[in-house]
């Protein structure tokens, strides 16, 4: 197989197999899942010796936010399906299927602690599909780009300590990036986007995930106790 493209932020990759007449898995719709539905995990726990293993459980929860280390020094937060079907090292990348045999998720991670049992997680297939399509068509995933870095969440506790608003502190603004062109400055605090309150970088990222490069955002920032409305036209994040 050859690598068509990969995406660190969603823990997904597309491989191309040079073969013909292979059986094809049917992809389901993870947006219609309900807690308690049967779930079957397929994979190769501990490697080739146990290839094709199948474990059964249920959908334990939906829309779980789990932060994992994507590579040294870089963490990503994934929106995942929780299941109690056993998922072990080697299951990652395998299918999570429903009672009809449709792929509803891609096995990804598990909580591994002595006092925890039956907490595995899979990437919802309906969220994976657009990523997969972009990897096939472009070889990478196009994402909107504001152009800020060294950001930090101002939590309610920090806001009380330092007399600041709750939001996202901007530690740096990339030269010639969308944020700088809109007038954003270092030490601004983002408190709202398109009228929706922003209390953390996760909030900001959730909003960006619904946008595309070229979209315009109304971003409210607090600068030295003054509220300023900025119009930011999103760019495309460099590959």
C-alpha atoms as a PDB file:
ATOM      1  CA  UNK A   1       0.000   0.000   0.000  1.00  0.00           C
ATOM      2  CA  UNK A   2       1.051   3.610  -0.452  1.00  0.00           C
ATOM      3  CA  UNK A   3       0.216   6.600   1.742  1.00  0.00           C
ATOM      4  CA  UNK A   4      -2.176   8.988  -0.003  1.00  0.00           C
ATOM      5  CA  UNK A   5      -2.252  11.485   2.871  1.00  0.00           C
ATOM      6  CA  UNK A   6      -2.446  11.790   6.636  1.00  0.00           C
ATOM      7  CA  UNK A   7      -3.870  14.255   9.130  1.00  0.00           C
ATOM      8  CA  UNK A   8      -2.369  14.552  12.616  1.00  0.00           C
ATOM      9  CA  UNK A   9      -5.222  16.607  14.065  1.00  0.00           C
ATOM     10  CA  UNK A  10      -7.799  13.861  13.465  1.00  0.00           C
ATOM     11  CA  UNK A  11      -5.483  10.841  13.741  1.00  0.00           C
ATOM     12  CA  UNK A  12      -6.503   9.671  10.257  1.00  0.00           C
ATOM     13  CA  UNK A  13      -4.698   8.548   7.126  1.00  0.00           C
ATOM     14  CA  UNK A  14      -5.670   7.140   3.731  1.00  0.00           C
ATOM     15  CA  UNK A  15      -3.782   4.252   2.162  1.00  0.00           C
ATOM     16  CA  UNK A  16      -4.090   3.101  -1.450  1.00  0.00           C
ATOM     17  CA  UNK A  17      -3.880  -0.629  -2.104  1.00  0.00           C
ATOM     18  CA  UNK A  18      -2.844  -1.685  -5.595  1.00  0.00           C
ATOM     19  CA  UNK A  19      -5.302  -4.547  -5.990  1.00  0.00           C
ATOM     20  CA  UNK A  20      -8.623  -5.335  -7.640  1.00  0.00           C
ATOM     21  CA  UNK A  21     -11.909  -7.013  -6.654  1.00  0.00           C
ATOM     22  CA  UNK A  22     -11.423  -6.503  -2.918  1.00  0.00           C
ATOM     23  CA  UNK A  23     -14.482  -6.654  -0.632  1.00  0.00           C
ATOM     24  CA  UNK A  24     -15.611  -3.207   0.494  1.00  0.00           C
ATOM     25  CA  UNK A  25     -16.823  -2.141   3.916  1.00  0.00           C
ATOM     26  CA  UNK A  26     -20.099  -0.212   3.969  1.00  0.00           C
ATOM     27  CA  UNK A  27     -19.844   3.078   5.852  1.00  0.00           C
ATOM     28  CA  UNK A  28     -22.715   3.918   8.194  1.00  0.00           C
ATOM     29  CA  UNK A  29     -23.983   7.162   9.722  1.00  0.00           C
ATOM     30  CA  UNK A  30     -22.562   7.876  13.169  1.00  0.00           C
ATOM     31  CA  UNK A  31     -24.820  10.930  13.613  1.00  0.00           C
ATOM     32  CA  UNK A  32     -27.745   8.554  14.147  1.00  0.00           C
ATOM     33  CA  UNK A  33     -26.089   6.497  16.902  1.00  0.00           C
ATOM     34  CA  UNK A  34     -27.814   6.094  20.232  1.00  0.00           C
ATOM     35  CA  UNK A  35     -26.246   5.170  23.572  1.00  0.00           C
ATOM     36  CA  UNK A  36     -26.828   1.481  24.291  1.00  0.00           C
ATOM     37  CA  UNK A  37     -26.664   0.282  20.667  1.00  0.00           C
ATOM     38  CA  UNK A  38     -24.531  -2.770  19.984  1.00  0.00           C
ATOM     39  CA  UNK A  39     -20.988  -2.107  18.811  1.00  0.00           C
ATOM     40  CA  UNK A  40     -18.415  -4.577  17.459  1.00  0.00           C
ATOM     41  CA  UNK A  41     -14.707  -3.718  17.289  1.00  0.00           C
ATOM     42  CA  UNK A  42     -12.524  -5.442  14.696  1.00  0.00           C
ATOM     43  CA  UNK A  43      -8.752  -5.313  14.694  1.00  0.00           C
ATOM     44  CA  UNK A  44      -5.440  -7.001  15.434  1.00  0.00           C
ATOM     45  CA  UNK A  45      -4.750  -6.631  19.169  1.00  0.00           C
ATOM     46  CA  UNK A  46      -1.063  -7.198  19.953  1.00  0.00           C
ATOM     47  CA  UNK A  47      -0.243  -7.659  16.284  1.00  0.00           C
ATOM     48  CA  UNK A  48      -0.528 -10.235  13.507  1.00  0.00           C
ATOM     49  CA  UNK A  49      -0.806 -13.219  15.844  1.00  0.00           C
ATOM     50  CA  UNK A  50      -4.304 -12.076  16.854  1.00  0.00           C
ATOM     51  CA  UNK A  51      -5.317 -10.498  13.524  1.00  0.00           C
ATOM     52  CA  UNK A  52      -9.030 -10.251  12.790  1.00  0.00           C
ATOM     53  CA  UNK A  53     -10.136 -10.348  16.422  1.00  0.00           C
ATOM     54  CA  UNK A  54     -13.713  -9.282  17.146  1.00  0.00           C
ATOM     55  CA  UNK A  55     -15.003  -7.886  20.447  1.00  0.00           C
ATOM     56  CA  UNK A  56     -18.566  -6.887  21.261  1.00  0.00           C
ATOM     57  CA  UNK A  57     -19.993  -4.172  23.476  1.00  0.00           C
ATOM     58  CA  UNK A  58     -22.294  -1.180  23.315  1.00  0.00           C
ATOM     59  CA  UNK A  59     -22.083   2.515  22.511  1.00  0.00           C
ATOM     60  CA  UNK A  60     -21.347   3.878  25.992  1.00  0.00           C
ATOM     61  CA  UNK A  61     -21.424   7.603  25.154  1.00  0.00           C
ATOM     62  CA  UNK A  62     -21.204  10.065  22.261  1.00  0.00           C
ATOM     63  CA  UNK A  63     -19.168  13.243  21.690  1.00  0.00           C
ATOM     64  CA  UNK A  64     -16.469  12.517  24.251  1.00  0.00           C
ATOM     65  CA  UNK A  65     -13.638  15.061  24.100  1.00  0.00           C
ATOM     66  CA  UNK A  66     -10.325  13.254  24.617  1.00  0.00           C
ATOM     67  CA  UNK A  67      -6.891  14.929  24.427  1.00  0.00           C
ATOM     68  CA  UNK A  68      -4.087  12.689  23.192  1.00  0.00           C
ATOM     69  CA  UNK A  69      -0.456  13.159  22.245  1.00  0.00           C
ATOM     70  CA  UNK A  70      -0.299  13.171  18.455  1.00  0.00           C
ATOM     71  CA  UNK A  71       3.495  13.310  18.346  1.00  0.00           C
ATOM     72  CA  UNK A  72       6.190  14.501  20.771  1.00  0.00           C
ATOM     73  CA  UNK A  73       5.275  17.952  22.085  1.00  0.00           C
ATOM     74  CA  UNK A  74       1.955  18.147  20.229  1.00  0.00           C
ATOM     75  CA  UNK A  75      -1.473  17.328  21.628  1.00  0.00           C
ATOM     76  CA  UNK A  76      -4.788  17.157  19.797  1.00  0.00           C
ATOM     77  CA  UNK A  77      -8.341  16.972  21.125  1.00  0.00           C
ATOM     78  CA  UNK A  78     -10.562  14.429  19.399  1.00  0.00           C
ATOM     79  CA  UNK A  79     -14.353  14.143  19.444  1.00  0.00           C
ATOM     80  CA  UNK A  80     -14.958  10.418  19.932  1.00  0.00           C
ATOM     81  CA  UNK A  81     -17.485   7.625  20.415  1.00  0.00           C
ATOM     82  CA  UNK A  82     -17.051   5.771  23.716  1.00  0.00           C
ATOM     83  CA  UNK A  83     -17.573   2.009  23.765  1.00  0.00           C
ATOM     84  CA  UNK A  84     -16.994  -0.856  26.192  1.00  0.00           C
ATOM     85  CA  UNK A  85     -16.051  -3.236  23.354  1.00  0.00           C
ATOM     86  CA  UNK A  86     -12.461  -4.208  24.168  1.00  0.00           C
ATOM     87  CA  UNK A  87      -9.968  -2.035  22.263  1.00  0.00           C
ATOM     88  CA  UNK A  88      -6.308  -2.909  22.747  1.00  0.00           C
ATOM     89  CA  UNK A  89      -2.985  -1.921  21.161  1.00  0.00           C
ATOM     90  CA  UNK A  90      -3.270  -3.084  17.558  1.00  0.00           C
ATOM     91  CA  UNK A  91      -6.987  -2.339  17.316  1.00  0.00           C
ATOM     92  CA  UNK A  92      -6.288   1.265  16.338  1.00  0.00           C
ATOM     93  CA  UNK A  93      -7.369   1.877  12.762  1.00  0.00           C
ATOM     94  CA  UNK A  94      -9.740  -1.079  12.846  1.00  0.00           C
ATOM     95  CA  UNK A  95     -13.469  -0.754  12.340  1.00  0.00           C
ATOM     96  CA  UNK A  96     -16.164  -0.200  14.920  1.00  0.00           C
ATOM     97  CA  UNK A  97     -19.342  -1.542  13.333  1.00  0.00           C
ATOM     98  CA  UNK A  98     -23.036  -1.637  14.201  1.00  0.00           C
ATOM     99  CA  UNK A  99     -25.454  -4.581  14.202  1.00  0.00           C
ATOM    100  CA  UNK A 100     -25.860  -4.214  10.412  1.00  0.00           C
ATOM    101  CA  UNK A 101     -22.128  -4.533   9.823  1.00  0.00           C
ATOM    102  CA  UNK A 102     -21.786  -0.865   8.823  1.00  0.00           C
ATOM    103  CA  UNK A 103     -18.644   0.999   9.874  1.00  0.00           C
ATOM    104  CA  UNK A 104     -19.690   3.638  12.406  1.00  0.00           C
ATOM    105  CA  UNK A 105     -16.256   4.490  13.774  1.00  0.00           C
ATOM    106  CA  UNK A 106     -12.509   3.963  13.499  1.00  0.00           C
ATOM    107  CA  UNK A 107     -10.931   2.580  16.667  1.00  0.00           C
ATOM    108  CA  UNK A 108      -8.485   5.085  18.077  1.00  0.00           C
ATOM    109  CA  UNK A 109      -7.601   5.125  21.804  1.00  0.00           C
ATOM    110  CA  UNK A 110      -8.445   3.648  25.189  1.00  0.00           C
ATOM    111  CA  UNK A 111      -8.131   4.734  28.810  1.00  0.00           C
ATOM    112  CA  UNK A 112      -5.404   2.515  30.241  1.00  0.00           C
ATOM    113  CA  UNK A 113      -5.351   2.557  34.051  1.00  0.00           C
ATOM    114  CA  UNK A 114      -5.428  -0.156  36.679  1.00  0.00           C
ATOM    115  CA  UNK A 115      -8.730   1.120  38.086  1.00  0.00           C
ATOM    116  CA  UNK A 116     -10.473   1.526  34.690  1.00  0.00           C
ATOM    117  CA  UNK A 117     -12.039  -1.124  32.479  1.00  0.00           C
ATOM    118  CA  UNK A 118     -14.030  -0.989  29.271  1.00  0.00           C
ATOM    119  CA  UNK A 119     -13.326   2.579  28.132  1.00  0.00           C
ATOM    120  CA  UNK A 120     -12.376   2.525  24.459  1.00  0.00           C
ATOM    121  CA  UNK A 121     -12.882   5.297  21.910  1.00  0.00           C
ATOM    122  CA  UNK A 122     -13.436   5.513  18.168  1.00  0.00           C
ATOM    123  CA  UNK A 123     -13.457   8.339  15.628  1.00  0.00           C
ATOM    124  CA  UNK A 124     -17.057   8.815  14.363  1.00  0.00           C
ATOM    125  CA  UNK A 125     -17.239   7.807  10.703  1.00  0.00           C
ATOM    126  CA  UNK A 126     -19.425  10.802   9.783  1.00  0.00           C
ATOM    127  CA  UNK A 127     -16.654  13.127  11.026  1.00  0.00           C
ATOM    128  CA  UNK A 128     -13.979  11.043   9.309  1.00  0.00           C
ATOM    129  CA  UNK A 129     -15.664  11.048   5.861  1.00  0.00           C
ATOM    130  CA  UNK A 130     -14.939  14.705   4.927  1.00  0.00           C
ATOM    131  CA  UNK A 131     -11.354  14.304   6.155  1.00  0.00           C
ATOM    132  CA  UNK A 132     -10.961  11.130   4.101  1.00  0.00           C
ATOM    133  CA  UNK A 133     -12.408  12.833   0.992  1.00  0.00           C
ATOM    134  CA  UNK A 134      -9.986  15.753   1.304  1.00  0.00           C
ATOM    135  CA  UNK A 135      -7.018  13.426   1.794  1.00  0.00           C
ATOM    136  CA  UNK A 136      -8.007  11.564  -1.378  1.00  0.00           C
ATOM    137  CA  UNK A 137      -8.617  14.699  -3.466  1.00  0.00           C
ATOM    138  CA  UNK A 138      -5.820  16.948  -2.138  1.00  0.00           C
ATOM    139  CA  UNK A 139      -3.456  14.769  -0.117  1.00  0.00           C
ATOM    140  CA  UNK A 140      -3.963  17.075   2.866  1.00  0.00           C
ATOM    141  CA  UNK A 141      -6.808  18.643   4.857  1.00  0.00           C
ATOM    142  CA  UNK A 142      -7.671  22.280   4.175  1.00  0.00           C
ATOM    143  CA  UNK A 143      -8.414  24.129   7.421  1.00  0.00           C
ATOM    144  CA  UNK A 144      -9.261  27.752   8.182  1.00  0.00           C
ATOM    145  CA  UNK A 145      -6.456  29.793   9.701  1.00  0.00           C
ATOM    146  CA  UNK A 146      -6.596  32.854  11.968  1.00  0.00           C
ATOM    147  CA  UNK A 147      -2.860  33.345  12.422  1.00  0.00           C
ATOM    148  CA  UNK A 148      -2.322  33.478  16.187  1.00  0.00           C
ATOM    149  CA  UNK A 149       0.037  31.518  18.421  1.00  0.00           C
ATOM    150  CA  UNK A 150       1.172  31.235  22.041  1.00  0.00           C
ATOM    151  CA  UNK A 151      -2.490  31.447  23.052  1.00  0.00           C
ATOM    152  CA  UNK A 152      -3.668  30.631  26.549  1.00  0.00           C
ATOM    153  CA  UNK A 153      -7.073  30.100  28.122  1.00  0.00           C
ATOM    154  CA  UNK A 154      -8.049  32.738  30.681  1.00  0.00           C
ATOM    155  CA  UNK A 155     -10.047  30.602  33.114  1.00  0.00           C
ATOM    156  CA  UNK A 156     -12.627  32.078  35.537  1.00  0.00           C
ATOM    157  CA  UNK A 157     -10.103  31.672  38.344  1.00  0.00           C
ATOM    158  CA  UNK A 158      -7.354  33.472  36.410  1.00  0.00           C
ATOM    159  CA  UNK A 159      -9.837  36.171  35.405  1.00  0.00           C
ATOM    160  CA  UNK A 160     -10.594  36.800  39.071  1.00  0.00           C
ATOM    161  CA  UNK A 161      -6.943  36.828  40.074  1.00  0.00           C
ATOM    162  CA  UNK A 162      -5.750  39.236  37.369  1.00  0.00           C
ATOM    163  CA  UNK A 163      -8.930  41.233  36.699  1.00  0.00           C
ATOM    164  CA  UNK A 164      -9.203  39.976  33.106  1.00  0.00           C
ATOM    165  CA  UNK A 165     -12.132  38.725  31.028  1.00  0.00           C
ATOM    166  CA  UNK A 166     -12.587  34.987  30.479  1.00  0.00           C
ATOM    167  CA  UNK A 167     -11.446  34.106  26.970  1.00  0.00           C
ATOM    168  CA  UNK A 168      -8.384  33.258  24.876  1.00  0.00           C
ATOM    169  CA  UNK A 169      -5.219  35.309  25.469  1.00  0.00           C
ATOM    170  CA  UNK A 170      -3.289  35.951  22.238  1.00  0.00           C
ATOM    171  CA  UNK A 171       0.438  35.619  22.910  1.00  0.00           C
ATOM    172  CA  UNK A 172       1.515  36.237  19.333  1.00  0.00           C
ATOM    173  CA  UNK A 173       0.155  37.292  15.937  1.00  0.00           C
ATOM    174  CA  UNK A 174       1.729  35.985  12.740  1.00  0.00           C
ATOM    175  CA  UNK A 175       3.029  38.753  10.444  1.00  0.00           C
ATOM    176  CA  UNK A 176       0.811  39.225   7.373  1.00  0.00           C
ATOM    177  CA  UNK A 177      -1.638  36.636   8.701  1.00  0.00           C
ATOM    178  CA  UNK A 178      -5.433  37.069   8.746  1.00  0.00           C
ATOM    179  CA  UNK A 179      -5.479  38.261  12.376  1.00  0.00           C
ATOM    180  CA  UNK A 180      -2.785  40.914  11.846  1.00  0.00           C
ATOM    181  CA  UNK A 181      -4.479  42.186   8.675  1.00  0.00           C
ATOM    182  CA  UNK A 182      -7.691  42.588  10.695  1.00  0.00           C
ATOM    183  CA  UNK A 183      -5.896  44.608  13.376  1.00  0.00           C
ATOM    184  CA  UNK A 184      -5.493  41.982  16.103  1.00  0.00           C
ATOM    185  CA  UNK A 185      -2.569  42.603  18.450  1.00  0.00           C
ATOM    186  CA  UNK A 186      -0.471  40.596  20.855  1.00  0.00           C
ATOM    187  CA  UNK A 187      -2.067  40.493  24.356  1.00  0.00           C
ATOM    188  CA  UNK A 188      -5.604  40.848  22.970  1.00  0.00           C
ATOM    189  CA  UNK A 189      -8.129  38.524  24.622  1.00  0.00           C
ATOM    190  CA  UNK A 190     -10.694  36.893  22.324  1.00  0.00           C
ATOM    191  CA  UNK A 191     -14.060  36.800  24.113  1.00  0.00           C
ATOM    192  CA  UNK A 192     -16.591  36.180  21.310  1.00  0.00           C
ATOM    193  CA  UNK A 193     -16.833  35.106  17.662  1.00  0.00           C
ATOM    194  CA  UNK A 194     -19.900  35.936  15.578  1.00  0.00           C
ATOM    195  CA  UNK A 195     -21.752  36.845  18.753  1.00  0.00           C
ATOM    196  CA  UNK A 196     -20.989  33.512  20.442  1.00  0.00           C
ATOM    197  CA  UNK A 197     -19.005  33.628  23.698  1.00  0.00           C
ATOM    198  CA  UNK A 198     -15.520  32.107  23.634  1.00  0.00           C
ATOM    199  CA  UNK A 199     -14.211  30.907  27.002  1.00  0.00           C
ATOM    200  CA  UNK A 200     -11.412  28.599  25.796  1.00  0.00           C
ATOM    201  CA  UNK A 201      -9.359  27.637  22.774  1.00  0.00           C
ATOM    202  CA  UNK A 202     -11.578  24.548  22.472  1.00  0.00           C
ATOM    203  CA  UNK A 203     -14.550  26.902  21.933  1.00  0.00           C
ATOM    204  CA  UNK A 204     -12.605  28.792  19.287  1.00  0.00           C
ATOM    205  CA  UNK A 205     -11.618  25.538  17.569  1.00  0.00           C
ATOM    206  CA  UNK A 206     -15.217  24.272  17.575  1.00  0.00           C
ATOM    207  CA  UNK A 207     -16.271  27.427  15.729  1.00  0.00           C
ATOM    208  CA  UNK A 208     -13.390  27.176  13.240  1.00  0.00           C
ATOM    209  CA  UNK A 209     -14.318  23.562  12.500  1.00  0.00           C
ATOM    210  CA  UNK A 210     -17.581  24.828  10.977  1.00  0.00           C
ATOM    211  CA  UNK A 211     -15.821  27.408   8.754  1.00  0.00           C
ATOM    212  CA  UNK A 212     -13.732  27.414   5.594  1.00  0.00           C
ATOM    213  CA  UNK A 213     -10.849  29.501   4.284  1.00  0.00           C
ATOM    214  CA  UNK A 214     -12.282  32.737   2.906  1.00  0.00           C
ATOM    215  CA  UNK A 215     -15.099  32.989   5.462  1.00  0.00           C
ATOM    216  CA  UNK A 216     -15.374  36.233   7.429  1.00  0.00           C
ATOM    217  CA  UNK A 217     -15.647  36.233  11.224  1.00  0.00           C
ATOM    218  CA  UNK A 218     -16.637  38.985  13.630  1.00  0.00           C
ATOM    219  CA  UNK A 219     -14.186  38.589  16.511  1.00  0.00           C
ATOM    220  CA  UNK A 220     -14.649  40.547  19.728  1.00  0.00           C
ATOM    221  CA  UNK A 221     -11.423  41.158  21.623  1.00  0.00           C
ATOM    222  CA  UNK A 222     -10.672  42.969  24.855  1.00  0.00           C
ATOM    223  CA  UNK A 223      -7.625  45.223  24.655  1.00  0.00           C
ATOM    224  CA  UNK A 224      -6.598  47.098  27.793  1.00  0.00           C
ATOM    225  CA  UNK A 225     -10.164  46.901  29.146  1.00  0.00           C
ATOM    226  CA  UNK A 226     -11.680  48.129  25.851  1.00  0.00           C
ATOM    227  CA  UNK A 227     -13.879  45.931  23.673  1.00  0.00           C
ATOM    228  CA  UNK A 228     -12.960  46.015  19.971  1.00  0.00           C
ATOM    229  CA  UNK A 229     -14.777  44.271  17.107  1.00  0.00           C
ATOM    230  CA  UNK A 230     -12.523  42.922  14.350  1.00  0.00           C
ATOM    231  CA  UNK A 231     -13.463  41.518  10.934  1.00  0.00           C
ATOM    232  CA  UNK A 232     -11.172  38.578  10.176  1.00  0.00           C
ATOM    233  CA  UNK A 233     -11.154  36.860   6.770  1.00  0.00           C
ATOM    234  CA  UNK A 234      -9.864  33.343   7.385  1.00  0.00           C
ATOM    235  CA  UNK A 235      -6.904  32.062   5.412  1.00  0.00           C
ATOM    236  CA  UNK A 236      -5.933  28.468   4.686  1.00  0.00           C
ATOM    237  CA  UNK A 237      -3.655  26.837   7.216  1.00  0.00           C
ATOM    238  CA  UNK A 238      -0.289  26.019   5.602  1.00  0.00           C
ATOM    239  CA  UNK A 239       0.252  22.305   4.996  1.00  0.00           C
END
